[in-house]
Amino acid sequence: MKFVSKVFMALCLSLCFGAVAANAQVESDVTIEANIPHSFVVEKTTLPAGKYTVKAADAFGDPNVMEIRSASGHTAVYFETEGVQPKQTPAKTELVFDKVGDTYFLSEVFVGGDETGNRLSKSRMEERLEGKGMTAERHSVAALAKPFKKVAKKL
């Protein structure tokens, strides 16, 4: 009986993880490249203007954890997202920012042609600014989605 319970539990877990993986927004084999013309905040980190790549962070095993990395590779931030379904399928790949006051906050990531995207939760700083009566303006930065090339390790 214990064996049947373990098999049933394993089957349930694999179905759950399969459903989560099917709900992944940005595919793990896609890297988004963007030249962001202004400094911006991701969670608690302020990043300077510049060239960045955004991709799913496979290392965490959670399809909703993403990574943004500077082109130089010196700066990287991991952040959590949730799935978002836009009113219509985006025609272009873009990073969407909420501008509150003079501060830009990364808020959404879309790959052109995909029916779903990724949304970041509002940071405490963004909520605090909006609580002071400031309103968010949406700004988007065009980006390029490229297949991510995995490097094979030599044994």
C-alpha atoms as a PDB file:
ATOM      1  CA  MET A   1       0.000   0.000   0.000  1.00  0.00           C
ATOM      2  CA  LYS A   2       2.878   2.380   0.768  1.00  0.00           C
ATOM      3  CA  PHE A   3       4.266   1.780  -2.726  1.00  0.00           C
ATOM      4  CA  VAL A   4       0.932   2.695  -4.328  1.00  0.00           C
ATOM      5  CA  SER A   5       0.764   5.859  -2.211  1.00  0.00           C
ATOM      6  CA  LYS A   6       4.284   6.849  -3.246  1.00  0.00           C
ATOM      7  CA  VAL A   7       3.535   6.227  -6.921  1.00  0.00           C
ATOM      8  CA  PHE A   8       0.313   8.232  -6.636  1.00  0.00           C
ATOM      9  CA  MET A   9       2.137  11.088  -4.889  1.00  0.00           C
ATOM     10  CA  ALA A  10       4.899  11.086  -7.528  1.00  0.00           C
ATOM     11  CA  LEU A  11       2.284  11.172 -10.293  1.00  0.00           C
ATOM     12  CA  CYS A  12       0.452  14.089  -8.619  1.00  0.00           C
ATOM     13  CA  LEU A  13       3.692  16.028  -8.162  1.00  0.00           C
ATOM     14  CA  SER A  14       4.765  15.507 -11.754  1.00  0.00           C
ATOM     15  CA  LEU A  15       1.332  16.642 -12.965  1.00  0.00           C
ATOM     16  CA  CYS A  16       1.544  19.753 -10.757  1.00  0.00           C
ATOM     17  CA  PHE A  17       5.061  20.589 -11.920  1.00  0.00           C
ATOM     18  CA  GLY A  18       4.029  19.913 -15.505  1.00  0.00           C
ATOM     19  CA  ALA A  19       1.164  22.395 -15.120  1.00  0.00           C
ATOM     20  CA  VAL A  20       3.532  24.969 -13.635  1.00  0.00           C
ATOM     21  CA  ALA A  21       6.031  24.455 -16.448  1.00  0.00           C
ATOM     22  CA  ALA A  22       3.255  24.755 -19.018  1.00  0.00           C
ATOM     23  CA  ASN A  23       2.344  28.080 -17.408  1.00  0.00           C
ATOM     24  CA  ALA A  24       5.846  29.457 -17.926  1.00  0.00           C
ATOM     25  CA  GLN A  25       5.638  32.843 -19.543  1.00  0.00           C
ATOM     26  CA  VAL A  26       9.054  33.540 -21.025  1.00  0.00           C
ATOM     27  CA  GLU A  27      10.408  30.316 -22.444  1.00  0.00           C
ATOM     28  CA  SER A  28      13.639  29.110 -20.878  1.00  0.00           C
ATOM     29  CA  ASP A  29      15.308  29.016 -24.292  1.00  0.00           C
ATOM     30  CA  VAL A  30      14.664  32.728 -25.043  1.00  0.00           C
ATOM     31  CA  THR A  31      16.925  35.605 -24.097  1.00  0.00           C
ATOM     32  CA  ILE A  32      15.570  39.141 -24.363  1.00  0.00           C
ATOM     33  CA  GLU A  33      18.026  41.920 -25.174  1.00  0.00           C
ATOM     34  CA  ALA A  34      17.193  45.578 -24.565  1.00  0.00           C
ATOM     35  CA  ASN A  35      18.950  48.918 -24.434  1.00  0.00           C
ATOM     36  CA  ILE A  36      17.249  50.705 -21.543  1.00  0.00           C
ATOM     37  CA  PRO A  37      17.726  54.498 -21.813  1.00  0.00           C
ATOM     38  CA  HIS A  38      17.084  55.311 -18.141  1.00  0.00           C
ATOM     39  CA  SER A  39      17.945  53.983 -14.716  1.00  0.00           C
ATOM     40  CA  PHE A  40      15.277  51.693 -13.254  1.00  0.00           C
ATOM     41  CA  VAL A  41      14.354  49.623 -10.224  1.00  0.00           C
ATOM     42  CA  VAL A  42      13.940  45.846 -10.095  1.00  0.00           C
ATOM     43  CA  GLU A  43      12.596  44.821  -6.688  1.00  0.00           C
ATOM     44  CA  LYS A  44      15.037  46.575  -4.298  1.00  0.00           C
ATOM     45  CA  THR A  45      17.856  47.197  -6.772  1.00  0.00           C
ATOM     46  CA  THR A  46      18.378  50.333  -8.866  1.00  0.00           C
ATOM     47  CA  LEU A  47      20.126  49.604 -12.157  1.00  0.00           C
ATOM     48  CA  PRO A  48      21.743  52.210 -14.427  1.00  0.00           C
ATOM     49  CA  ALA A  49      20.741  52.843 -18.028  1.00  0.00           C
ATOM     50  CA  GLY A  50      22.389  50.460 -20.460  1.00  0.00           C
ATOM     51  CA  LYS A  51      22.182  47.183 -22.341  1.00  0.00           C
ATOM     52  CA  TYR A  52      20.608  44.232 -20.530  1.00  0.00           C
ATOM     53  CA  THR A  53      19.505  40.664 -21.109  1.00  0.00           C
ATOM     54  CA  VAL A  54      16.442  39.140 -19.479  1.00  0.00           C
ATOM     55  CA  LYS A  55      15.730  35.415 -19.308  1.00  0.00           C
ATOM     56  CA  ALA A  56      14.104  32.732 -17.217  1.00  0.00           C
ATOM     57  CA  ALA A  57      16.460  31.714 -14.405  1.00  0.00           C
ATOM     58  CA  ASP A  58      16.534  27.958 -14.873  1.00  0.00           C
ATOM     59  CA  ALA A  59      18.839  27.495 -11.894  1.00  0.00           C
ATOM     60  CA  PHE A  60      15.920  28.012  -9.497  1.00  0.00           C
ATOM     61  CA  GLY A  61      13.611  25.452 -11.102  1.00  0.00           C
ATOM     62  CA  ASP A  62      10.749  27.939 -10.972  1.00  0.00           C
ATOM     63  CA  PRO A  63       9.582  29.225 -14.369  1.00  0.00           C
ATOM     64  CA  ASN A  64       8.447  32.498 -12.789  1.00  0.00           C
ATOM     65  CA  VAL A  65      11.912  33.425 -11.504  1.00  0.00           C
ATOM     66  CA  MET A  66      13.764  35.564 -14.006  1.00  0.00           C
ATOM     67  CA  GLU A  67      17.175  37.193 -14.270  1.00  0.00           C
ATOM     68  CA  ILE A  68      18.153  40.583 -15.656  1.00  0.00           C
ATOM     69  CA  ARG A  69      21.861  40.966 -16.357  1.00  0.00           C
ATOM     70  CA  SER A  70      23.910  43.895 -17.629  1.00  0.00           C
ATOM     71  CA  ALA A  71      25.686  43.331 -20.956  1.00  0.00           C
ATOM     72  CA  SER A  72      29.003  43.600 -19.128  1.00  0.00           C
ATOM     73  CA  GLY A  73      27.910  40.777 -16.832  1.00  0.00           C
ATOM     74  CA  HIS A  74      28.856  42.782 -13.732  1.00  0.00           C
ATOM     75  CA  THR A  75      25.303  43.274 -12.485  1.00  0.00           C
ATOM     76  CA  ALA A  76      22.552  40.677 -12.229  1.00  0.00           C
ATOM     77  CA  VAL A  77      19.253  40.633 -10.352  1.00  0.00           C
ATOM     78  CA  TYR A  78      16.937  37.667  -9.916  1.00  0.00           C
ATOM     79  CA  PHE A  79      13.269  38.513  -9.529  1.00  0.00           C
ATOM     80  CA  GLU A  80       9.940  36.754  -9.169  1.00  0.00           C
ATOM     81  CA  THR A  81       7.056  37.240 -11.560  1.00  0.00           C
ATOM     82  CA  GLU A  82       3.556  35.985 -12.138  1.00  0.00           C
ATOM     83  CA  GLY A  83       1.840  35.218 -15.402  1.00  0.00           C
ATOM     84  CA  VAL A  84      -0.127  37.951 -17.103  1.00  0.00           C
ATOM     85  CA  GLN A  85      -2.349  37.709 -20.136  1.00  0.00           C
ATOM     86  CA  PRO A  86      -2.480  40.955 -22.129  1.00  0.00           C
ATOM     87  CA  LYS A  87      -5.694  42.120 -23.794  1.00  0.00           C
ATOM     88  CA  GLN A  88      -4.145  41.189 -27.114  1.00  0.00           C
ATOM     89  CA  THR A  89      -1.060  39.207 -28.083  1.00  0.00           C
ATOM     90  CA  PRO A  90       1.888  41.626 -28.187  1.00  0.00           C
ATOM     91  CA  ALA A  91       3.258  42.156 -31.683  1.00  0.00           C
ATOM     92  CA  LYS A  92       6.716  43.060 -30.380  1.00  0.00           C
ATOM     93  CA  THR A  93       9.030  42.041 -27.587  1.00  0.00           C
ATOM     94  CA  GLU A  94       9.145  44.723 -24.924  1.00  0.00           C
ATOM     95  CA  LEU A  95       9.974  45.577 -21.344  1.00  0.00           C
ATOM     96  CA  VAL A  96       7.286  47.671 -19.664  1.00  0.00           C
ATOM     97  CA  PHE A  97       8.094  50.184 -16.931  1.00  0.00           C
ATOM     98  CA  ASP A  98       5.906  52.095 -14.505  1.00  0.00           C
ATOM     99  CA  LYS A  99       7.254  55.626 -14.106  1.00  0.00           C
ATOM    100  CA  VAL A 100       6.306  57.083 -10.739  1.00  0.00           C
ATOM    101  CA  GLY A 101       7.722  60.551 -10.207  1.00  0.00           C
ATOM    102  CA  ASP A 102      11.234  60.372 -11.653  1.00  0.00           C
ATOM    103  CA  THR A 103      11.704  56.660 -10.967  1.00  0.00           C
ATOM    104  CA  TYR A 104      11.138  53.828 -13.443  1.00  0.00           C
ATOM    105  CA  PHE A 105      10.124  50.388 -12.137  1.00  0.00           C
ATOM    106  CA  LEU A 106      10.321  47.277 -14.313  1.00  0.00           C
ATOM    107  CA  SER A 107       6.748  45.970 -14.284  1.00  0.00           C
ATOM    108  CA  GLU A 108       6.188  43.553 -17.196  1.00  0.00           C
ATOM    109  CA  VAL A 109       8.072  41.477 -19.759  1.00  0.00           C
ATOM    110  CA  PHE A 110       6.521  40.407 -23.072  1.00  0.00           C
ATOM    111  CA  VAL A 111       7.852  38.385 -25.994  1.00  0.00           C
ATOM    112  CA  GLY A 112       6.269  39.308 -29.316  1.00  0.00           C
ATOM    113  CA  GLY A 113       3.745  36.688 -30.474  1.00  0.00           C
ATOM    114  CA  ASP A 114       3.417  35.000 -27.058  1.00  0.00           C
ATOM    115  CA  GLU A 115      -0.066  34.984 -25.544  1.00  0.00           C
ATOM    116  CA  THR A 116       1.248  35.424 -22.003  1.00  0.00           C
ATOM    117  CA  GLY A 117       3.903  37.528 -20.328  1.00  0.00           C
ATOM    118  CA  ASN A 118       5.450  38.114 -16.929  1.00  0.00           C
ATOM    119  CA  ARG A 119       4.441  40.714 -14.352  1.00  0.00           C
ATOM    120  CA  LEU A 120       6.506  41.801 -11.366  1.00  0.00           C
ATOM    121  CA  SER A 121       4.839  42.697  -8.093  1.00  0.00           C
ATOM    122  CA  LYS A 122       5.080  46.349  -7.120  1.00  0.00           C
ATOM    123  CA  SER A 123       8.003  47.081  -4.860  1.00  0.00           C
ATOM    124  CA  ARG A 124       7.516  48.776  -1.497  1.00  0.00           C
ATOM    125  CA  MET A 125       9.153  51.893  -2.886  1.00  0.00           C
ATOM    126  CA  GLU A 126       6.683  52.061  -5.787  1.00  0.00           C
ATOM    127  CA  GLU A 127       3.720  51.480  -3.462  1.00  0.00           C
ATOM    128  CA  ARG A 128       5.009  54.185  -1.107  1.00  0.00           C
ATOM    129  CA  LEU A 129       5.303  56.725  -3.955  1.00  0.00           C
ATOM    130  CA  GLU A 130       1.820  55.896  -5.221  1.00  0.00           C
ATOM    131  CA  GLY A 131       0.535  56.175  -1.649  1.00  0.00           C
ATOM    132  CA  LYS A 132       1.741  59.775  -1.657  1.00  0.00           C
ATOM    133  CA  GLY A 133      -0.613  60.524  -4.539  1.00  0.00           C
ATOM    134  CA  MET A 134       1.803  60.016  -7.414  1.00  0.00           C
ATOM    135  CA  THR A 135       0.411  58.132 -10.396  1.00  0.00           C
ATOM    136  CA  ALA A 136       2.242  55.622 -12.562  1.00  0.00           C
ATOM    137  CA  GLU A 137       2.790  56.241 -16.253  1.00  0.00           C
ATOM    138  CA  ARG A 138       3.419  53.223 -18.483  1.00  0.00           C
ATOM    139  CA  HIS A 139       6.523  53.288 -20.660  1.00  0.00           C
ATOM    140  CA  SER A 140       7.828  50.482 -22.825  1.00  0.00           C
ATOM    141  CA  VAL A 141      11.235  49.756 -24.285  1.00  0.00           C
ATOM    142  CA  ALA A 142      11.448  47.683 -27.455  1.00  0.00           C
ATOM    143  CA  ALA A 143      13.563  44.567 -27.095  1.00  0.00           C
ATOM    144  CA  LEU A 144      14.813  41.668 -29.169  1.00  0.00           C
ATOM    145  CA  ALA A 145      14.024  38.029 -28.323  1.00  0.00           C
ATOM    146  CA  LYS A 146      16.761  35.582 -29.290  1.00  0.00           C
ATOM    147  CA  PRO A 147      17.036  31.835 -28.826  1.00  0.00           C
ATOM    148  CA  PHE A 148      19.257  31.119 -25.842  1.00  0.00           C
ATOM    149  CA  LYS A 149      22.243  29.009 -26.802  1.00  0.00           C
ATOM    150  CA  LYS A 150      23.266  26.570 -24.112  1.00  0.00           C
ATOM    151  CA  VAL A 151      26.932  25.702 -24.043  1.00  0.00           C
ATOM    152  CA  ALA A 152      27.624  21.993 -23.930  1.00  0.00           C
ATOM    153  CA  LYS A 153      30.056  20.995 -21.227  1.00  0.00           C
ATOM    154  CA  LYS A 154      32.971  18.785 -22.194  1.00  0.00           C
ATOM    155  CA  LEU A 155      33.561  15.762 -20.033  1.00  0.00           C
END
